[in-house]
């Protein structure tokens, strides 16, 4: 799976969670903090999932 597809899916997930938090009347600064943390986790897990294995020599 390519990193781009993974990133788009994770961005949709973050957007949905942020919208749900907004509808639940959470403070905006906490929605931003949660989104930043999820972006970091998304990058880490996306790189881990899409990384090519190093050829053994």
PDB file of N, CA and C in Angstrom:
ATOM      1  N   UNK A   1       0.852  -1.171   0.000  1.00  0.00           N
ATOM      2  CA  UNK A   1       0.000   0.000   0.000  1.00  0.00           C
ATOM      3  C   UNK A   1       0.896   1.232   0.000  1.00  0.00           C
ATOM      4  N   UNK A   2       0.557   2.231  -0.806  1.00  0.00           N
ATOM      5  CA  UNK A   2       1.400   3.414  -0.891  1.00  0.00           C
ATOM      6  C   UNK A   2       1.122   4.346   0.288  1.00  0.00           C
ATOM      7  N   UNK A   3       2.106   5.163   0.590  1.00  0.00           N
ATOM      8  CA  UNK A   3       1.985   6.092   1.712  1.00  0.00           C
ATOM      9  C   UNK A   3       0.906   7.131   1.446  1.00  0.00           C
ATOM     10  N   UNK A   4       0.730   7.533   0.181  1.00  0.00           N
ATOM     11  CA  UNK A   4      -0.276   8.540  -0.147  1.00  0.00           C
ATOM     12  C   UNK A   4      -1.685   8.080   0.181  1.00  0.00           C
ATOM     13  N   UNK A   5      -2.007   6.848  -0.183  1.00  0.00           N
ATOM     14  CA  UNK A   5      -3.330   6.307   0.116  1.00  0.00           C
ATOM     15  C   UNK A   5      -3.522   6.198   1.624  1.00  0.00           C
ATOM     16  N   UNK A   6      -2.489   5.765   2.324  1.00  0.00           N
ATOM     17  CA  UNK A   6      -2.550   5.647   3.774  1.00  0.00           C
ATOM     18  C   UNK A   6      -2.780   7.020   4.402  1.00  0.00           C
ATOM     19  N   UNK A   7      -2.055   8.041   3.908  1.00  0.00           N
ATOM     20  CA  UNK A   7      -2.176   9.390   4.463  1.00  0.00           C
ATOM     21  C   UNK A   7      -3.563   9.974   4.207  1.00  0.00           C
ATOM     22  N   UNK A   8      -4.118   9.737   3.023  1.00  0.00           N
ATOM     23  CA  UNK A   8      -5.460  10.250   2.723  1.00  0.00           C
ATOM     24  C   UNK A   8      -6.495   9.607   3.640  1.00  0.00           C
ATOM     25  N   UNK A   9      -6.395   8.308   3.839  1.00  0.00           N
ATOM     26  CA  UNK A   9      -7.323   7.622   4.729  1.00  0.00           C
ATOM     27  C   UNK A   9      -7.213   8.121   6.163  1.00  0.00           C
ATOM     28  N   UNK A  10      -6.000   8.346   6.608  1.00  0.00           N
ATOM     29  CA  UNK A  10      -5.808   8.826   7.972  1.00  0.00           C
ATOM     30  C   UNK A  10      -6.307  10.261   8.119  1.00  0.00           C
ATOM     31  N   UNK A  11      -6.135  11.083   7.064  1.00  0.00           N
ATOM     32  CA  UNK A  11      -6.635  12.461   7.105  1.00  0.00           C
ATOM     33  C   UNK A  11      -8.161  12.478   7.188  1.00  0.00           C
ATOM     34  N   UNK A  12      -8.824  11.572   6.462  1.00  0.00           N
ATOM     35  CA  UNK A  12     -10.279  11.477   6.543  1.00  0.00           C
ATOM     36  C   UNK A  12     -10.702  11.060   7.950  1.00  0.00           C
ATOM     37  N   UNK A  13      -9.980  10.122   8.538  1.00  0.00           N
ATOM     38  CA  UNK A  13     -10.267   9.696   9.909  1.00  0.00           C
ATOM     39  C   UNK A  13     -10.113  10.858  10.892  1.00  0.00           C
ATOM     40  N   UNK A  14      -9.032  11.611  10.786  1.00  0.00           N
ATOM     41  CA  UNK A  14      -8.799  12.737  11.684  1.00  0.00           C
ATOM     42  C   UNK A  14      -9.890  13.793  11.500  1.00  0.00           C
ATOM     43  N   UNK A  15     -10.260  14.061  10.243  1.00  0.00           N
ATOM     44  CA  UNK A  15     -11.321  15.032   9.997  1.00  0.00           C
ATOM     45  C   UNK A  15     -12.641  14.615  10.620  1.00  0.00           C
ATOM     46  N   UNK A  16     -12.971  13.349  10.491  1.00  0.00           N
ATOM     47  CA  UNK A  16     -14.207  12.847  11.086  1.00  0.00           C
ATOM     48  C   UNK A  16     -14.201  12.930  12.602  1.00  0.00           C
ATOM     49  N   UNK A  17     -13.076  12.577  13.204  1.00  0.00           N
ATOM     50  CA  UNK A  17     -12.986  12.661  14.662  1.00  0.00           C
ATOM     51  C   UNK A  17     -13.032  14.103  15.153  1.00  0.00           C
ATOM     52  N   UNK A  18     -12.377  15.008  14.421  1.00  0.00           N
ATOM     53  CA  UNK A  18     -12.398  16.426  14.800  1.00  0.00           C
ATOM     54  C   UNK A  18     -13.813  16.988  14.667  1.00  0.00           C
ATOM     55  N   UNK A  19     -14.511  16.607  13.609  1.00  0.00           N
ATOM     56  CA  UNK A  19     -15.889  17.074  13.432  1.00  0.00           C
ATOM     57  C   UNK A  19     -16.790  16.529  14.545  1.00  0.00           C
ATOM     58  N   UNK A  20     -16.607  15.269  14.885  1.00  0.00           N
ATOM     59  CA  UNK A  20     -17.383  14.690  15.977  1.00  0.00           C
ATOM     60  C   UNK A  20     -17.098  15.379  17.309  1.00  0.00           C
ATOM     61  N   UNK A  21     -15.841  15.718  17.546  1.00  0.00           N
ATOM     62  CA  UNK A  21     -15.495  16.431  18.777  1.00  0.00           C
ATOM     63  C   UNK A  21     -16.117  17.827  18.781  1.00  0.00           C
ATOM     64  N   UNK A  22     -16.161  18.465  17.612  1.00  0.00           N
ATOM     65  CA  UNK A  22     -16.798  19.780  17.503  1.00  0.00           C
ATOM     66  C   UNK A  22     -18.286  19.677  17.805  1.00  0.00           C
ATOM     67  N   UNK A  23     -18.937  18.646  17.279  1.00  0.00           N
ATOM     68  CA  UNK A  23     -20.359  18.461  17.545  1.00  0.00           C
ATOM     69  C   UNK A  23     -20.629  18.132  19.017  1.00  0.00           C
ATOM     70  N   UNK A  24     -19.630  17.550  19.683  1.00  0.00           N
ATOM     71  CA  UNK A  24     -19.759  17.242  21.107  1.00  0.00           C
ATOM     72  C   UNK A  24     -19.389  18.441  21.979  1.00  0.00           C
ATOM     73  N   UNK A  25     -19.136  19.584  21.343  1.00  0.00           N
ATOM     74  CA  UNK A  25     -18.835  20.846  22.025  1.00  0.00           C
ATOM     75  C   UNK A  25     -17.555  20.794  22.848  1.00  0.00           C
ATOM     76  N   UNK A  26     -16.555  20.111  22.320  1.00  0.00           N
ATOM     77  CA  UNK A  26     -15.247  20.126  22.973  1.00  0.00           C
ATOM     78  C   UNK A  26     -14.563  21.442  22.658  1.00  0.00           C
ATOM     79  N   UNK A  27     -13.726  21.946  23.556  1.00  0.00           N
ATOM     80  CA  UNK A  27     -12.994  23.187  23.279  1.00  0.00           C
ATOM     81  C   UNK A  27     -12.070  23.032  22.068  1.00  0.00           C
ATOM     82  N   UNK A  28     -11.965  24.101  21.289  1.00  0.00           N
ATOM     83  CA  UNK A  28     -11.211  24.066  20.039  1.00  0.00           C
ATOM     84  C   UNK A  28      -9.746  23.719  20.254  1.00  0.00           C
ATOM     85  N   UNK A  29      -9.142  24.233  21.330  1.00  0.00           N
ATOM     86  CA  UNK A  29      -7.717  23.959  21.540  1.00  0.00           C
ATOM     87  C   UNK A  29      -7.472  22.477  21.773  1.00  0.00           C
ATOM     88  N   UNK A  30      -8.403  21.767  22.402  1.00  0.00           N
ATOM     89  CA  UNK A  30      -8.223  20.334  22.628  1.00  0.00           C
ATOM     90  C   UNK A  30      -8.452  19.532  21.357  1.00  0.00           C
ATOM     91  N   UNK A  31      -9.336  20.033  20.498  1.00  0.00           N
ATOM     92  CA  UNK A  31      -9.517  19.387  19.197  1.00  0.00           C
ATOM     93  C   UNK A  31      -8.231  19.514  18.392  1.00  0.00           C
ATOM     94  N   UNK A  32      -7.597  20.698  18.440  1.00  0.00           N
ATOM     95  CA  UNK A  32      -6.338  20.911  17.714  1.00  0.00           C
ATOM     96  C   UNK A  32      -5.228  20.027  18.279  1.00  0.00           C
ATOM     97  N   UNK A  33      -5.138  19.920  19.600  1.00  0.00           N
ATOM     98  CA  UNK A  33      -4.119  19.070  20.219  1.00  0.00           C
ATOM     99  C   UNK A  33      -4.323  17.616  19.798  1.00  0.00           C
ATOM    100  N   UNK A  34      -5.554  17.142  19.835  1.00  0.00           N
ATOM    101  CA  UNK A  34      -5.831  15.775  19.423  1.00  0.00           C
ATOM    102  C   UNK A  34      -5.500  15.533  17.961  1.00  0.00           C
ATOM    103  N   UNK A  35      -5.809  16.508  17.106  1.00  0.00           N
ATOM    104  CA  UNK A  35      -5.506  16.368  15.684  1.00  0.00           C
ATOM    105  C   UNK A  35      -4.001  16.315  15.450  1.00  0.00           C
ATOM    106  N   UNK A  36      -3.243  17.144  16.148  1.00  0.00           N
ATOM    107  CA  UNK A  36      -1.778  17.151  15.993  1.00  0.00           C
ATOM    108  C   UNK A  36      -1.186  15.815  16.437  1.00  0.00           C
ATOM    109  N   UNK A  37      -1.670  15.295  17.555  1.00  0.00           N
ATOM    110  CA  UNK A  37      -1.181  14.004  18.036  1.00  0.00           C
ATOM    111  C   UNK A  37      -1.523  12.902  17.033  1.00  0.00           C
ATOM    112  N   UNK A  38      -2.738  12.925  16.494  1.00  0.00           N
ATOM    113  CA  UNK A  38      -3.130  11.907  15.523  1.00  0.00           C
ATOM    114  C   UNK A  38      -2.348  12.019  14.225  1.00  0.00           C
ATOM    115  N   UNK A  39      -2.008  13.233  13.811  1.00  0.00           N
ATOM    116  CA  UNK A  39      -1.174  13.398  12.610  1.00  0.00           C
ATOM    117  C   UNK A  39       0.189  12.761  12.834  1.00  0.00           C
ATOM    118  N   UNK A  40       0.779  12.989  14.005  1.00  0.00           N
ATOM    119  CA  UNK A  40       2.064  12.366  14.332  1.00  0.00           C
ATOM    120  C   UNK A  40       1.982  10.853  14.334  1.00  0.00           C
ATOM    121  N   UNK A  41       0.945  10.321  14.957  1.00  0.00           N
ATOM    122  CA  UNK A  41       0.769   8.865  14.975  1.00  0.00           C
ATOM    123  C   UNK A  41       0.519   8.324  13.571  1.00  0.00           C
ATOM    124  N   UNK A  42      -0.215   9.074  12.771  1.00  0.00           N
ATOM    125  CA  UNK A  42      -0.479   8.648  11.404  1.00  0.00           C
ATOM    126  C   UNK A  42       0.785   8.587  10.564  1.00  0.00           C
ATOM    127  N   UNK A  43       1.654   9.571  10.723  1.00  0.00           N
ATOM    128  CA  UNK A  43       2.918   9.563   9.985  1.00  0.00           C
ATOM    129  C   UNK A  43       3.781   8.383  10.416  1.00  0.00           C
ATOM    130  N   UNK A  44       3.889   8.180  11.723  1.00  0.00           N
ATOM    131  CA  UNK A  44       4.704   7.068  12.217  1.00  0.00           C
ATOM    132  C   UNK A  44       4.174   5.718  11.746  1.00  0.00           C
ATOM    133  N   UNK A  45       2.872   5.512  11.867  1.00  0.00           N
ATOM    134  CA  UNK A  45       2.329   4.221  11.461  1.00  0.00           C
ATOM    135  C   UNK A  45       2.309   4.067   9.946  1.00  0.00           C
ATOM    136  N   UNK A  46       2.148   5.167   9.209  1.00  0.00           N
ATOM    137  CA  UNK A  46       2.175   5.100   7.750  1.00  0.00           C
ATOM    138  C   UNK A  46       3.550   4.740   7.219  1.00  0.00           C
ATOM    139  N   UNK A  47       4.564   5.331   7.796  1.00  0.00           N
ATOM    140  CA  UNK A  47       5.929   5.002   7.380  1.00  0.00           C
ATOM    141  C   UNK A  47       6.250   3.555   7.729  1.00  0.00           C
ATOM    142  N   UNK A  48       5.824   3.126   8.899  1.00  0.00           N
ATOM    143  CA  UNK A  48       6.083   1.745   9.317  1.00  0.00           C
ATOM    144  C   UNK A  48       5.369   0.745   8.406  1.00  0.00           C
ATOM    145  N   UNK A  49       4.127   1.064   8.021  1.00  0.00           N
ATOM    146  CA  UNK A  49       3.338   0.134   7.214  1.00  0.00           C
ATOM    147  C   UNK A  49       3.792   0.088   5.756  1.00  0.00           C
ATOM    148  N   UNK A  50       4.322   1.189   5.238  1.00  0.00           N
ATOM    149  CA  UNK A  50       4.656   1.250   3.819  1.00  0.00           C
ATOM    150  C   UNK A  50       6.152   1.191   3.544  1.00  0.00           C
ATOM    151  N   UNK A  51       6.965   1.065   4.573  1.00  0.00           N
ATOM    152  CA  UNK A  51       8.420   1.039   4.398  1.00  0.00           C
ATOM    153  C   UNK A  51       8.846  -0.222   3.660  1.00  0.00           C
ATOM    154  N   UNK A  52       9.757  -0.050   2.746  1.00  0.00           N
ATOM    155  CA  UNK A  52      10.307  -1.201   2.009  1.00  0.00           C
ATOM    156  C   UNK A  52      11.379  -1.873   2.863  1.00  0.00           C
ATOM    157  N   UNK A  53      11.402  -3.160   2.819  1.00  0.00           N
ATOM    158  CA  UNK A  53      12.419  -3.912   3.547  1.00  0.00           C
ATOM    159  C   UNK A  53      13.785  -3.715   2.872  1.00  0.00           C
ATOM    160  N   UNK A  54      14.808  -3.551   3.673  1.00  0.00           N
ATOM    161  CA  UNK A  54      16.158  -3.439   3.152  1.00  0.00           C
ATOM    162  C   UNK A  54      16.615  -4.799   2.620  1.00  0.00           C
ATOM    163  N   UNK A  55      17.214  -4.804   1.426  1.00  0.00           N
ATOM    164  CA  UNK A  55      17.690  -6.092   0.901  1.00  0.00           C
ATOM    165  C   UNK A  55      18.862  -6.600   1.733  1.00  0.00           C
ATOM    166  N   UNK A  56      18.824  -7.867   2.064  1.00  0.00           N
ATOM    167  CA  UNK A  56      19.940  -8.433   2.827  1.00  0.00           C
ATOM    168  C   UNK A  56      21.064  -8.821   1.869  1.00  0.00           C
ATOM    169  N   UNK A  57      22.285  -8.494   2.305  1.00  0.00           N
ATOM    170  CA  UNK A  57      23.409  -8.784   1.412  1.00  0.00           C
ATOM    171  C   UNK A  57      24.270  -9.904   1.917  1.00  0.00           C
TER     172      UNK A  57
END
